Amino acid sequence: MTIPAITDATFQAEVLEAATPVLLKLWAPWCGPCRAMSPVVDEIAAEYAGEIAVRAVEVDGNPGIAERLAMRSIPLLVLFRDGREVGRAAGLQSKTRICAFLDGHLDPAG
């Protein structure tokens, strides 16, 4: 699955104004952990289709988003719901950890 790319120009409409929660992956092509985590995020996108939208930001080409989110390291996953950040996970994450992160933030009681 190819995850749609977000740019500085599309961030507002595709993330902050999205009707569904958005998991945003911040990455760079030179980042080894980013490349290692990419297939896992692709699997997550397929498994959570219809529940969340998964999008990616290449940070070198879109410094506005990285600055706006006060990004300190990559890979970085940031979950948005109703236009606001509800959680983030930095560094290389396993599928199990990403699913637990999502489930904890998507559960209406959580």
PDB file of N, CA and C in Angstrom:
ATOM      1  N   MET A   1       0.848  -1.174   0.000  1.00  0.00           N
ATOM      2  CA  MET A   1       0.000   0.000   0.000  1.00  0.00           C
ATOM      3  C   MET A   1       0.897   1.242   0.000  1.00  0.00           C
ATOM      4  N   THR A   2       0.548   2.191  -0.840  1.00  0.00           N
ATOM      5  CA  THR A   2       1.279   3.449  -0.882  1.00  0.00           C
ATOM      6  C   THR A   2       0.552   4.457  -0.004  1.00  0.00           C
ATOM      7  N   ILE A   3       1.275   4.990   0.948  1.00  0.00           N
ATOM      8  CA  ILE A   3       0.694   5.967   1.865  1.00  0.00           C
ATOM      9  C   ILE A   3       0.759   7.342   1.209  1.00  0.00           C
ATOM     10  N   PRO A   4      -0.368   8.045   1.126  1.00  0.00           N
ATOM     11  CA  PRO A   4      -0.369   9.372   0.514  1.00  0.00           C
ATOM     12  C   PRO A   4       0.550  10.342   1.259  1.00  0.00           C
ATOM     13  N   ALA A   5       1.208  11.183   0.486  1.00  0.00           N
ATOM     14  CA  ALA A   5       2.131  12.173   1.050  1.00  0.00           C
ATOM     15  C   ALA A   5       1.401  13.463   1.374  1.00  0.00           C
ATOM     16  N   ILE A   6       1.814  14.059   2.476  1.00  0.00           N
ATOM     17  CA  ILE A   6       1.311  15.364   2.902  1.00  0.00           C
ATOM     18  C   ILE A   6       2.448  16.363   2.724  1.00  0.00           C
ATOM     19  N   THR A   7       2.099  17.567   2.339  1.00  0.00           N
ATOM     20  CA  THR A   7       3.089  18.630   2.202  1.00  0.00           C
ATOM     21  C   THR A   7       2.709  19.784   3.112  1.00  0.00           C
ATOM     22  N   ASP A   8       3.612  20.743   3.213  1.00  0.00           N
ATOM     23  CA  ASP A   8       3.295  21.947   3.987  1.00  0.00           C
ATOM     24  C   ASP A   8       1.988  22.563   3.481  1.00  0.00           C
ATOM     25  N   ALA A   9       1.774  22.525   2.164  1.00  0.00           N
ATOM     26  CA  ALA A   9       0.588  23.139   1.558  1.00  0.00           C
ATOM     27  C   ALA A   9      -0.699  22.358   1.823  1.00  0.00           C
ATOM     28  N   THR A  10      -0.603  21.036   2.010  1.00  0.00           N
ATOM     29  CA  THR A  10      -1.814  20.224   2.173  1.00  0.00           C
ATOM     30  C   THR A  10      -2.092  19.808   3.623  1.00  0.00           C
ATOM     31  N   PHE A  11      -1.205  20.142   4.542  1.00  0.00           N
ATOM     32  CA  PHE A  11      -1.323  19.712   5.938  1.00  0.00           C
ATOM     33  C   PHE A  11      -2.654  20.143   6.564  1.00  0.00           C
ATOM     34  N   GLN A  12      -3.024  21.386   6.399  1.00  0.00           N
ATOM     35  CA  GLN A  12      -4.260  21.906   7.006  1.00  0.00           C
ATOM     36  C   GLN A  12      -5.469  21.095   6.541  1.00  0.00           C
ATOM     37  N   ALA A  13      -5.637  20.965   5.238  1.00  0.00           N
ATOM     38  CA  ALA A  13      -6.820  20.296   4.696  1.00  0.00           C
ATOM     39  C   ALA A  13      -6.823  18.792   4.946  1.00  0.00           C
ATOM     40  N   GLU A  14      -5.680  18.141   4.769  1.00  0.00           N
ATOM     41  CA  GLU A  14      -5.649  16.680   4.828  1.00  0.00           C
ATOM     42  C   GLU A  14      -5.406  16.095   6.215  1.00  0.00           C
ATOM     43  N   VAL A  15      -4.956  16.910   7.147  1.00  0.00           N
ATOM     44  CA  VAL A  15      -4.721  16.405   8.502  1.00  0.00           C
ATOM     45  C   VAL A  15      -5.627  17.117   9.502  1.00  0.00           C
ATOM     46  N   LEU A  16      -5.497  18.421   9.599  1.00  0.00           N
ATOM     47  CA  LEU A  16      -6.246  19.154  10.621  1.00  0.00           C
ATOM     48  C   LEU A  16      -7.745  19.226  10.345  1.00  0.00           C
ATOM     49  N   GLU A  17      -8.136  19.197   9.077  1.00  0.00           N
ATOM     50  CA  GLU A  17      -9.563  19.272   8.732  1.00  0.00           C
ATOM     51  C   GLU A  17     -10.129  17.921   8.318  1.00  0.00           C
ATOM     52  N   ALA A  18      -9.396  16.845   8.530  1.00  0.00           N
ATOM     53  CA  ALA A  18      -9.841  15.503   8.129  1.00  0.00           C
ATOM     54  C   ALA A  18     -11.050  15.060   8.947  1.00  0.00           C
ATOM     55  N   ALA A  19     -11.944  14.342   8.298  1.00  0.00           N
ATOM     56  CA  ALA A  19     -13.152  13.839   8.961  1.00  0.00           C
ATOM     57  C   ALA A  19     -12.859  12.647   9.859  1.00  0.00           C
ATOM     58  N   THR A  20     -11.779  11.918   9.580  1.00  0.00           N
ATOM     59  CA  THR A  20     -11.402  10.760  10.387  1.00  0.00           C
ATOM     60  C   THR A  20     -10.063  11.040  11.064  1.00  0.00           C
ATOM     61  N   PRO A  21      -9.724  10.277  12.089  1.00  0.00           N
ATOM     62  CA  PRO A  21      -8.399  10.432  12.692  1.00  0.00           C
ATOM     63  C   PRO A  21      -7.309  10.184  11.650  1.00  0.00           C
ATOM     64  N   VAL A  22      -6.183  10.867  11.810  1.00  0.00           N
ATOM     65  CA  VAL A  22      -5.061  10.749  10.885  1.00  0.00           C
ATOM     66  C   VAL A  22      -3.803  10.364  11.667  1.00  0.00           C
ATOM     67  N   LEU A  23      -3.153   9.288  11.211  1.00  0.00           N
ATOM     68  CA  LEU A  23      -1.842   8.923  11.731  1.00  0.00           C
ATOM     69  C   LEU A  23      -0.821   9.470  10.750  1.00  0.00           C
ATOM     70  N   LEU A  24      -0.019  10.410  11.207  1.00  0.00           N
ATOM     71  CA  LEU A  24       0.970  11.072  10.365  1.00  0.00           C
ATOM     72  C   LEU A  24       2.352  10.525  10.672  1.00  0.00           C
ATOM     73  N   LYS A  25       3.018  10.018   9.634  1.00  0.00           N
ATOM     74  CA  LYS A  25       4.374   9.484   9.767  1.00  0.00           C
ATOM     75  C   LYS A  25       5.337  10.533   9.240  1.00  0.00           C
ATOM     76  N   LEU A  26       6.240  11.001  10.091  1.00  0.00           N
ATOM     77  CA  LEU A  26       7.280  11.927   9.671  1.00  0.00           C
ATOM     78  C   LEU A  26       8.550  11.124   9.456  1.00  0.00           C
ATOM     79  N   TRP A  27       9.183  11.307   8.297  1.00  0.00           N
ATOM     80  CA  TRP A  27      10.306  10.469   7.915  1.00  0.00           C
ATOM     81  C   TRP A  27      11.237  11.230   6.978  1.00  0.00           C
ATOM     82  N   ALA A  28      12.380  10.616   6.659  1.00  0.00           N
ATOM     83  CA  ALA A  28      13.323  11.140   5.669  1.00  0.00           C
ATOM     84  C   ALA A  28      13.966   9.953   4.967  1.00  0.00           C
ATOM     85  N   PRO A  29      14.307  10.099   3.688  1.00  0.00           N
ATOM     86  CA  PRO A  29      14.878   8.969   2.948  1.00  0.00           C
ATOM     87  C   PRO A  29      16.233   8.497   3.474  1.00  0.00           C
ATOM     88  N   TRP A  30      16.983   9.339   4.134  1.00  0.00           N
ATOM     89  CA  TRP A  30      18.304   8.975   4.663  1.00  0.00           C
ATOM     90  C   TRP A  30      18.226   8.297   6.026  1.00  0.00           C
ATOM     91  N   CYS A  31      17.032   8.203   6.603  1.00  0.00           N
ATOM     92  CA  CYS A  31      16.821   7.682   7.960  1.00  0.00           C
ATOM     93  C   CYS A  31      16.596   6.163   7.917  1.00  0.00           C
ATOM     94  N   GLY A  32      17.575   5.403   8.399  1.00  0.00           N
ATOM     95  CA  GLY A  32      17.467   3.943   8.422  1.00  0.00           C
ATOM     96  C   GLY A  32      16.271   3.428   9.208  1.00  0.00           C
ATOM     97  N   PRO A  33      16.047   3.909  10.438  1.00  0.00           N
ATOM     98  CA  PRO A  33      14.869   3.461  11.185  1.00  0.00           C
ATOM     99  C   PRO A  33      13.548   3.807  10.481  1.00  0.00           C
ATOM    100  N   CYS A  34      13.522   4.926   9.768  1.00  0.00           N
ATOM    101  CA  CYS A  34      12.320   5.293   9.005  1.00  0.00           C
ATOM    102  C   CYS A  34      12.051   4.250   7.924  1.00  0.00           C
ATOM    103  N   ARG A  35      13.108   3.875   7.200  1.00  0.00           N
ATOM    104  CA  ARG A  35      12.959   2.872   6.143  1.00  0.00           C
ATOM    105  C   ARG A  35      12.556   1.520   6.738  1.00  0.00           C
ATOM    106  N   ALA A  36      13.103   1.174   7.885  1.00  0.00           N
ATOM    107  CA  ALA A  36      12.769  -0.101   8.535  1.00  0.00           C
ATOM    108  C   ALA A  36      11.313  -0.137   8.987  1.00  0.00           C
ATOM    109  N   MET A  37      10.792   0.982   9.421  1.00  0.00           N
ATOM    110  CA  MET A  37       9.426   1.036   9.937  1.00  0.00           C
ATOM    111  C   MET A  37       8.382   1.189   8.828  1.00  0.00           C
ATOM    112  N   SER A  38       8.799   1.584   7.658  1.00  0.00           N
ATOM    113  CA  SER A  38       7.874   1.852   6.565  1.00  0.00           C
ATOM    114  C   SER A  38       6.944   0.684   6.228  1.00  0.00           C
ATOM    115  N   PRO A  39       7.432  -0.562   6.075  1.00  0.00           N
ATOM    116  CA  PRO A  39       6.512  -1.659   5.772  1.00  0.00           C
ATOM    117  C   PRO A  39       5.506  -1.924   6.901  1.00  0.00           C
ATOM    118  N   VAL A  40       5.913  -1.675   8.121  1.00  0.00           N
ATOM    119  CA  VAL A  40       5.013  -1.857   9.262  1.00  0.00           C
ATOM    120  C   VAL A  40       3.879  -0.833   9.194  1.00  0.00           C
ATOM    121  N   VAL A  41       4.216   0.410   8.892  1.00  0.00           N
ATOM    122  CA  VAL A  41       3.196   1.453   8.783  1.00  0.00           C
ATOM    123  C   VAL A  41       2.270   1.161   7.599  1.00  0.00           C
ATOM    124  N   ASP A  42       2.813   0.605   6.516  1.00  0.00           N
ATOM    125  CA  ASP A  42       1.970   0.195   5.385  1.00  0.00           C
ATOM    126  C   ASP A  42       0.949  -0.855   5.818  1.00  0.00           C
ATOM    127  N   GLU A  43       1.387  -1.839   6.613  1.00  0.00           N
ATOM    128  CA  GLU A  43       0.470  -2.866   7.123  1.00  0.00           C
ATOM    129  C   GLU A  43      -0.611  -2.243   8.009  1.00  0.00           C
ATOM    130  N   ILE A  44      -0.196  -1.328   8.869  1.00  0.00           N
ATOM    131  CA  ILE A  44      -1.145  -0.637   9.760  1.00  0.00           C
ATOM    132  C   ILE A  44      -2.188   0.114   8.931  1.00  0.00           C
ATOM    133  N   ALA A  45      -1.732   0.793   7.881  1.00  0.00           N
ATOM    134  CA  ALA A  45      -2.649   1.554   7.019  1.00  0.00           C
ATOM    135  C   ALA A  45      -3.710   0.639   6.427  1.00  0.00           C
ATOM    136  N   ALA A  46      -3.306  -0.552   5.993  1.00  0.00           N
ATOM    137  CA  ALA A  46      -4.254  -1.503   5.415  1.00  0.00           C
ATOM    138  C   ALA A  46      -5.210  -2.054   6.479  1.00  0.00           C
ATOM    139  N   GLU A  47      -4.679  -2.387   7.637  1.00  0.00           N
ATOM    140  CA  GLU A  47      -5.498  -2.987   8.691  1.00  0.00           C
ATOM    141  C   GLU A  47      -6.478  -2.000   9.327  1.00  0.00           C
ATOM    142  N   TYR A  48      -6.109  -0.730   9.385  1.00  0.00           N
ATOM    143  CA  TYR A  48      -6.964   0.279  10.014  1.00  0.00           C
ATOM    144  C   TYR A  48      -7.735   1.107   8.986  1.00  0.00           C
ATOM    145  N   ALA A  49      -7.732   0.672   7.723  1.00  0.00           N
ATOM    146  CA  ALA A  49      -8.455   1.384   6.672  1.00  0.00           C
ATOM    147  C   ALA A  49      -9.921   1.535   7.061  1.00  0.00           C
ATOM    148  N   GLY A  50     -10.459   2.712   6.874  1.00  0.00           N
ATOM    149  CA  GLY A  50     -11.834   2.987   7.256  1.00  0.00           C
ATOM    150  C   GLY A  50     -11.959   3.523   8.672  1.00  0.00           C
ATOM    151  N   GLU A  51     -10.963   3.255   9.504  1.00  0.00           N
ATOM    152  CA  GLU A  51     -10.972   3.745  10.886  1.00  0.00           C
ATOM    153  C   GLU A  51     -10.082   4.975  11.034  1.00  0.00           C
ATOM    154  N   ILE A  52      -8.925   4.943  10.368  1.00  0.00           N
ATOM    155  CA  ILE A  52      -8.012   6.084  10.369  1.00  0.00           C
ATOM    156  C   ILE A  52      -7.463   6.278   8.954  1.00  0.00           C
ATOM    157  N   ALA A  53      -6.962   7.472   8.707  1.00  0.00           N
ATOM    158  CA  ALA A  53      -6.213   7.743   7.475  1.00  0.00           C
ATOM    159  C   ALA A  53      -4.742   7.791   7.869  1.00  0.00           C
ATOM    160  N   VAL A  54      -3.903   7.141   7.089  1.00  0.00           N
ATOM    161  CA  VAL A  54      -2.461   7.178   7.345  1.00  0.00           C
ATOM    162  C   VAL A  54      -1.830   8.029   6.259  1.00  0.00           C
ATOM    163  N   ARG A  55      -1.026   8.985   6.675  1.00  0.00           N
ATOM    164  CA  ARG A  55      -0.361   9.905   5.751  1.00  0.00           C
ATOM    165  C   ARG A  55       1.108  10.007   6.141  1.00  0.00           C
ATOM    166  N   ALA A  56       1.938  10.448   5.194  1.00  0.00           N
ATOM    167  CA  ALA A  56       3.381  10.561   5.433  1.00  0.00           C
ATOM    168  C   ALA A  56       3.880  11.941   5.038  1.00  0.00           C
ATOM    169  N   VAL A  57       4.863  12.419   5.796  1.00  0.00           N
ATOM    170  CA  VAL A  57       5.515  13.692   5.513  1.00  0.00           C
ATOM    171  C   VAL A  57       7.011  13.459   5.420  1.00  0.00           C
ATOM    172  N   GLU A  58       7.594  13.790   4.289  1.00  0.00           N
ATOM    173  CA  GLU A  58       9.039  13.750   4.126  1.00  0.00           C
ATOM    174  C   GLU A  58       9.536  15.090   4.670  1.00  0.00           C
ATOM    175  N   VAL A  59      10.209  15.041   5.812  1.00  0.00           N
ATOM    176  CA  VAL A  59      10.490  16.262   6.578  1.00  0.00           C
ATOM    177  C   VAL A  59      11.498  17.208   5.935  1.00  0.00           C
ATOM    178  N   ASP A  60      12.439  16.682   5.160  1.00  0.00           N
ATOM    179  CA  ASP A  60      13.412  17.576   4.531  1.00  0.00           C
ATOM    180  C   ASP A  60      12.743  18.494   3.518  1.00  0.00           C
ATOM    181  N   GLY A  61      11.740  17.985   2.821  1.00  0.00           N
ATOM    182  CA  GLY A  61      11.040  18.785   1.824  1.00  0.00           C
ATOM    183  C   GLY A  61       9.885  19.586   2.380  1.00  0.00           C
ATOM    184  N   ASN A  62       9.532  19.356   3.634  1.00  0.00           N
ATOM    185  CA  ASN A  62       8.379  20.024   4.245  1.00  0.00           C
ATOM    186  C   ASN A  62       8.719  20.471   5.659  1.00  0.00           C
ATOM    187  N   PRO A  63       9.661  21.406   5.780  1.00  0.00           N
ATOM    188  CA  PRO A  63      10.118  21.809   7.109  1.00  0.00           C
ATOM    189  C   PRO A  63       9.056  22.523   7.940  1.00  0.00           C
ATOM    190  N   GLY A  64       8.038  23.066   7.302  1.00  0.00           N
ATOM    191  CA  GLY A  64       6.988  23.764   8.047  1.00  0.00           C
ATOM    192  C   GLY A  64       6.227  22.844   8.983  1.00  0.00           C
ATOM    193  N   ILE A  65       5.934  21.638   8.503  1.00  0.00           N
ATOM    194  CA  ILE A  65       5.211  20.676   9.339  1.00  0.00           C
ATOM    195  C   ILE A  65       6.088  20.233  10.499  1.00  0.00           C
ATOM    196  N   ALA A  66       7.347  19.921  10.199  1.00  0.00           N
ATOM    197  CA  ALA A  66       8.273  19.491  11.245  1.00  0.00           C
ATOM    198  C   ALA A  66       8.405  20.563  12.324  1.00  0.00           C
ATOM    199  N   GLU A  67       8.486  21.807  11.905  1.00  0.00           N
ATOM    200  CA  GLU A  67       8.596  22.905  12.862  1.00  0.00           C
ATOM    201  C   GLU A  67       7.299  23.079  13.647  1.00  0.00           C
ATOM    202  N   ARG A  68       6.193  23.040  12.951  1.00  0.00           N
ATOM    203  CA  ARG A  68       4.885  23.213  13.600  1.00  0.00           C
ATOM    204  C   ARG A  68       4.642  22.151  14.676  1.00  0.00           C
ATOM    205  N   LEU A  69       5.122  20.926  14.413  1.00  0.00           N
ATOM    206  CA  LEU A  69       4.920  19.826  15.360  1.00  0.00           C
ATOM    207  C   LEU A  69       6.066  19.688  16.360  1.00  0.00           C
ATOM    208  N   ALA A  70       7.025  20.614  16.321  1.00  0.00           N
ATOM    209  CA  ALA A  70       8.182  20.586  17.223  1.00  0.00           C
ATOM    210  C   ALA A  70       8.862  19.222  17.169  1.00  0.00           C
ATOM    211  N   MET A  71       9.084  18.740  15.942  1.00  0.00           N
ATOM    212  CA  MET A  71       9.719  17.451  15.736  1.00  0.00           C
ATOM    213  C   MET A  71      11.160  17.494  16.237  1.00  0.00           C
ATOM    214  N   ARG A  72      11.534  16.513  17.041  1.00  0.00           N
ATOM    215  CA  ARG A  72      12.892  16.432  17.570  1.00  0.00           C
ATOM    216  C   ARG A  72      13.676  15.271  16.979  1.00  0.00           C
ATOM    217  N   SER A  73      12.963  14.222  16.548  1.00  0.00           N
ATOM    218  CA  SER A  73      13.623  13.060  15.968  1.00  0.00           C
ATOM    219  C   SER A  73      12.658  12.342  15.030  1.00  0.00           C
ATOM    220  N   ILE A  74      13.221  11.516  14.170  1.00  0.00           N
ATOM    221  CA  ILE A  74      12.415  10.691  13.284  1.00  0.00           C
ATOM    222  C   ILE A  74      12.925   9.261  13.362  1.00  0.00           C
ATOM    223  N   PRO A  75      12.098   8.302  13.071  1.00  0.00           N
ATOM    224  CA  PRO A  75      10.710   8.435  12.665  1.00  0.00           C
ATOM    225  C   PRO A  75       9.839   8.913  13.820  1.00  0.00           C
ATOM    226  N   LEU A  76       8.770   9.587  13.432  1.00  0.00           N
ATOM    227  CA  LEU A  76       7.821  10.102  14.415  1.00  0.00           C
ATOM    228  C   LEU A  76       6.422   9.834  13.899  1.00  0.00           C
ATOM    229  N   LEU A  77       5.591   9.245  14.725  1.00  0.00           N
ATOM    230  CA  LEU A  77       4.178   9.038  14.418  1.00  0.00           C
ATOM    231  C   LEU A  77       3.373   9.987  15.284  1.00  0.00           C
ATOM    232  N   VAL A  78       2.479  10.738  14.658  1.00  0.00           N
ATOM    233  CA  VAL A  78       1.627  11.677  15.391  1.00  0.00           C
ATOM    234  C   VAL A  78       0.185  11.375  14.999  1.00  0.00           C
ATOM    235  N   LEU A  79      -0.664  11.177  15.997  1.00  0.00           N
ATOM    236  CA  LEU A  79      -2.068  10.880  15.754  1.00  0.00           C
ATOM    237  C   LEU A  79      -2.898  12.133  16.004  1.00  0.00           C
ATOM    238  N   PHE A  80      -3.725  12.471  15.018  1.00  0.00           N
ATOM    239  CA  PHE A  80      -4.618  13.625  15.101  1.00  0.00           C
ATOM    240  C   PHE A  80      -6.056  13.151  15.082  1.00  0.00           C
ATOM    241  N   ARG A  81      -6.879  13.807  15.879  1.00  0.00           N
ATOM    242  CA  ARG A  81      -8.319  13.563  15.870  1.00  0.00           C
ATOM    243  C   ARG A  81      -9.006  14.906  16.047  1.00  0.00           C
ATOM    244  N   ASP A  82      -9.975  15.177  15.190  1.00  0.00           N
ATOM    245  CA  ASP A  82     -10.721  16.435  15.229  1.00  0.00           C
ATOM    246  C   ASP A  82      -9.791  17.644  15.175  1.00  0.00           C
ATOM    247  N   GLY A  83      -8.739  17.545  14.367  1.00  0.00           N
ATOM    248  CA  GLY A  83      -7.851  18.673  14.148  1.00  0.00           C
ATOM    249  C   GLY A  83      -6.818  18.943  15.220  1.00  0.00           C
ATOM    250  N   ARG A  84      -6.706  18.039  16.180  1.00  0.00           N
ATOM    251  CA  ARG A  84      -5.681  18.268  17.213  1.00  0.00           C
ATOM    252  C   ARG A  84      -4.903  16.994  17.482  1.00  0.00           C
ATOM    253  N   GLU A  85      -3.672  17.190  17.926  1.00  0.00           N
ATOM    254  CA  GLU A  85      -2.816  16.059  18.244  1.00  0.00           C
ATOM    255  C   GLU A  85      -3.323  15.382  19.508  1.00  0.00           C
ATOM    256  N   VAL A  86      -3.452  14.041  19.438  1.00  0.00           N
ATOM    257  CA  VAL A  86      -3.894  13.289  20.612  1.00  0.00           C
ATOM    258  C   VAL A  86      -2.825  12.328  21.122  1.00  0.00           C
ATOM    259  N   GLY A  87      -1.734  12.173  20.364  1.00  0.00           N
ATOM    260  CA  GLY A  87      -0.648  11.308  20.816  1.00  0.00           C
ATOM    261  C   GLY A  87       0.474  11.264  19.811  1.00  0.00           C
ATOM    262  N   ARG A  88       1.653  10.876  20.307  1.00  0.00           N
ATOM    263  CA  ARG A  88       2.813  10.712  19.418  1.00  0.00           C
ATOM    264  C   ARG A  88       3.714   9.613  19.940  1.00  0.00           C
ATOM    265  N   ALA A  89       4.412   8.987  19.003  1.00  0.00           N
ATOM    266  CA  ALA A  89       5.366   7.920  19.322  1.00  0.00           C
ATOM    267  C   ALA A  89       6.617   8.169  18.485  1.00  0.00           C
ATOM    268  N   ALA A  90       7.738   8.365  19.158  1.00  0.00           N
ATOM    269  CA  ALA A  90       8.997   8.664  18.473  1.00  0.00           C
ATOM    270  C   ALA A  90       9.889   7.438  18.427  1.00  0.00           C
ATOM    271  N   GLY A  91      10.682   7.345  17.363  1.00  0.00           N
ATOM    272  CA  GLY A  91      11.638   6.261  17.222  1.00  0.00           C
ATOM    273  C   GLY A  91      11.037   5.049  16.544  1.00  0.00           C
ATOM    274  N   LEU A  92      11.891   4.085  16.292  1.00  0.00           N
ATOM    275  CA  LEU A  92      11.483   2.846  15.637  1.00  0.00           C
ATOM    276  C   LEU A  92      10.491   2.110  16.526  1.00  0.00           C
ATOM    277  N   GLN A  93       9.333   1.780  15.972  1.00  0.00           N
ATOM    278  CA  GLN A  93       8.258   1.132  16.726  1.00  0.00           C
ATOM    279  C   GLN A  93       7.892  -0.195  16.071  1.00  0.00           C
ATOM    280  N   SER A  94       7.591  -1.194  16.863  1.00  0.00           N
ATOM    281  CA  SER A  94       7.110  -2.467  16.333  1.00  0.00           C
ATOM    282  C   SER A  94       5.630  -2.331  15.978  1.00  0.00           C
ATOM    283  N   LYS A  95       5.147  -3.262  15.192  1.00  0.00           N
ATOM    284  CA  LYS A  95       3.726  -3.260  14.843  1.00  0.00           C
ATOM    285  C   LYS A  95       2.865  -3.381  16.092  1.00  0.00           C
ATOM    286  N   THR A  96       3.266  -4.229  17.008  1.00  0.00           N
ATOM    287  CA  THR A  96       2.515  -4.412  18.253  1.00  0.00           C
ATOM    288  C   THR A  96       2.402  -3.089  19.020  1.00  0.00           C
ATOM    289  N   ARG A  97       3.499  -2.363  19.112  1.00  0.00           N
ATOM    290  CA  ARG A  97       3.488  -1.087  19.848  1.00  0.00           C
ATOM    291  C   ARG A  97       2.647  -0.036  19.132  1.00  0.00           C
ATOM    292  N   ILE A  98       2.723   0.001  17.805  1.00  0.00           N
ATOM    293  CA  ILE A  98       1.922   0.977  17.061  1.00  0.00           C
ATOM    294  C   ILE A  98       0.438   0.660  17.216  1.00  0.00           C
ATOM    295  N   CYS A  99       0.077  -0.603  17.122  1.00  0.00           N
ATOM    296  CA  CYS A  99      -1.333  -0.992  17.294  1.00  0.00           C
ATOM    297  C   CYS A  99      -1.826  -0.650  18.690  1.00  0.00           C
ATOM    298  N   ALA A 100      -1.014  -0.909  19.708  1.00  0.00           N
ATOM    299  CA  ALA A 100      -1.405  -0.568  21.079  1.00  0.00           C
ATOM    300  C   ALA A 100      -1.557   0.941  21.232  1.00  0.00           C
ATOM    301  N   PHE A 101      -0.640   1.698  20.633  1.00  0.00           N
ATOM    302  CA  PHE A 101      -0.712   3.164  20.651  1.00  0.00           C
ATOM    303  C   PHE A 101      -2.024   3.634  20.010  1.00  0.00           C
ATOM    304  N   LEU A 102      -2.335   3.105  18.824  1.00  0.00           N
ATOM    305  CA  LEU A 102      -3.559   3.505  18.130  1.00  0.00           C
ATOM    306  C   LEU A 102      -4.802   3.091  18.905  1.00  0.00           C
ATOM    307  N   ASP A 103      -4.834   1.849  19.341  1.00  0.00           N
ATOM    308  CA  ASP A 103      -6.010   1.354  20.051  1.00  0.00           C
ATOM    309  C   ASP A 103      -6.261   2.147  21.330  1.00  0.00           C
ATOM    310  N   GLY A 104      -5.204   2.525  22.020  1.00  0.00           N
ATOM    311  CA  GLY A 104      -5.353   3.314  23.229  1.00  0.00           C
ATOM    312  C   GLY A 104      -5.895   4.701  22.996  1.00  0.00           C
ATOM    313  N   HIS A 105      -5.598   5.276  21.813  1.00  0.00           N
ATOM    314  CA  HIS A 105      -6.075   6.611  21.515  1.00  0.00           C
ATOM    315  C   HIS A 105      -7.381   6.625  20.716  1.00  0.00           C
ATOM    316  N   LEU A 106      -7.721   5.522  20.093  1.00  0.00           N
ATOM    317  CA  LEU A 106      -8.940   5.480  19.292  1.00  0.00           C
ATOM    318  C   LEU A 106     -10.130   4.954  20.080  1.00  0.00           C
ATOM    319  N   ASP A 107      -9.866   4.257  21.166  1.00  0.00           N
ATOM    320  CA  ASP A 107     -10.942   3.732  22.012  1.00  0.00           C
ATOM    321  C   ASP A 107     -11.716   4.920  22.586  1.00  0.00           C
ATOM    322  N   PRO A 108     -13.037   4.987  22.344  1.00  0.00           N
ATOM    323  CA  PRO A 108     -13.825   6.117  22.847  1.00  0.00           C
ATOM    324  C   PRO A 108     -13.716   6.300  24.365  1.00  0.00           C
ATOM    325  N   ALA A 109     -13.464   5.199  25.089  1.00  0.00           N
ATOM    326  CA  ALA A 109     -13.345   5.307  26.541  1.00  0.00           C
ATOM    327  C   ALA A 109     -11.944   5.729  26.954  1.00  0.00           C
ATOM    328  N   GLY A 110     -10.951   5.680  25.990  1.00  0.00           N
ATOM    329  CA  GLY A 110      -9.575   5.915  26.339  1.00  0.00           C
ATOM    330  C   GLY A 110      -9.067   7.258  26.124  1.00  0.00           C
TER     331      GLY A 110
END
